[in-house]
Amino acid sequence: MLTLAADADLEPGRARDAREPESLHLASRHVRWLRDQGVKAHACFSLAGEELLQLAQFEMTRRMTRMILKRDEWI
């Protein structure tokens, strides 16, 4: 009789212990997903920044060329 009472008392703990590995697995999958999203966002911002720098460099070169040509009256 005492064994049955002890087993009944331990059952919720066993059920919780059985769920913990699944919970940890889901949490680790979520952490990996979040990390992957962060990497993707960083890559997108990095590409956008590089394109912006290239555009600025192109514009500065174009404007400087026009100023030099205008100064020397080539335009």
Protein backbone atom coordinates (compact mmCIF):
# COMPACT_ATOMS: atom_id res chain seq x y z
CA MET A 1 0.00 0.00 0.00
CA LEU A 2 2.81 2.39 0.86
CA THR A 3 4.51 1.59 -2.47
CA LEU A 4 1.37 2.56 -4.39
CA ALA A 5 1.17 5.86 -2.54
CA ALA A 6 4.84 6.59 -3.23
CA ASP A 7 4.44 5.70 -6.92
CA ALA A 8 1.40 7.94 -7.24
CA ASP A 9 3.35 10.76 -5.63
CA LEU A 10 6.28 10.30 -8.06
CA GLU A 11 4.16 10.08 -11.25
CA PRO A 12 3.89 13.87 -11.86
CA GLY A 13 7.67 14.13 -11.53
CA ARG A 14 8.19 11.32 -14.03
CA ALA A 15 5.82 12.97 -16.52
CA ARG A 16 7.63 16.29 -16.09
CA ASP A 17 11.01 14.58 -16.53
CA ALA A 18 9.76 12.98 -19.73
CA ARG A 19 8.67 16.38 -21.10
CA GLU A 20 11.89 18.22 -20.20
CA PRO A 21 14.05 16.77 -23.02
CA GLU A 22 11.35 17.66 -25.55
CA SER A 23 11.08 21.15 -24.06
CA LEU A 24 14.87 21.59 -24.21
CA HIS A 25 14.90 20.35 -27.81
CA LEU A 26 12.19 22.86 -28.80
CA ALA A 27 14.00 25.66 -27.00
CA SER A 28 17.29 24.83 -28.74
CA ARG A 29 15.54 24.75 -32.13
CA HIS A 30 14.04 28.17 -31.37
CA VAL A 31 17.46 29.55 -30.39
CA ARG A 32 18.98 28.21 -33.65
CA TRP A 33 16.14 29.78 -35.64
CA LEU A 34 16.63 33.13 -33.91
CA ARG A 35 20.39 32.98 -34.56
CA ASP A 36 19.78 32.16 -38.23
CA GLN A 37 17.37 35.08 -38.55
CA GLY A 38 19.98 37.38 -37.00
CA VAL A 39 22.62 36.16 -39.45
CA LYS A 40 20.26 36.73 -42.39
CA ALA A 41 19.38 40.24 -41.18
CA HIS A 42 23.06 41.08 -40.70
CA ALA A 43 23.86 39.86 -44.22
CA CYS A 44 21.02 41.93 -45.72
CA PHE A 45 22.10 45.09 -43.91
CA SER A 46 25.70 44.47 -44.87
CA LEU A 47 24.78 44.14 -48.56
CA ALA A 48 22.59 47.24 -48.41
CA GLY A 49 25.40 49.21 -46.77
CA GLU A 50 27.88 48.06 -49.42
CA GLU A 51 25.52 49.11 -52.21
CA LEU A 52 25.04 52.49 -50.56
CA LEU A 53 28.80 53.02 -50.32
CA GLN A 54 29.25 52.07 -53.97
CA LEU A 55 26.50 54.49 -55.01
CA ALA A 56 28.07 57.29 -52.97
CA GLN A 57 31.48 56.58 -54.48
CA PHE A 58 30.01 56.58 -58.00
CA GLU A 59 28.17 59.85 -57.38
CA MET A 60 31.23 61.55 -55.90
CA THR A 61 33.38 60.42 -58.82
CA ARG A 62 30.79 61.62 -61.33
CA ARG A 63 30.44 65.02 -59.65
CA MET A 64 34.18 65.53 -59.27
CA THR A 65 34.71 64.62 -62.93
CA ARG A 66 32.06 67.13 -63.99
CA MET A 67 33.63 69.83 -61.81
CA ILE A 68 37.09 69.22 -63.27
CA LEU A 69 35.77 69.13 -66.82
CA LYS A 70 33.75 72.30 -66.24
CA ARG A 71 36.75 74.02 -64.68
CA ASP A 72 38.88 73.17 -67.67
CA GLU A 73 35.95 74.12 -69.92
CA TRP A 74 35.58 70.74 -71.52
CA ILE A 75 31.83 70.86 -71.00
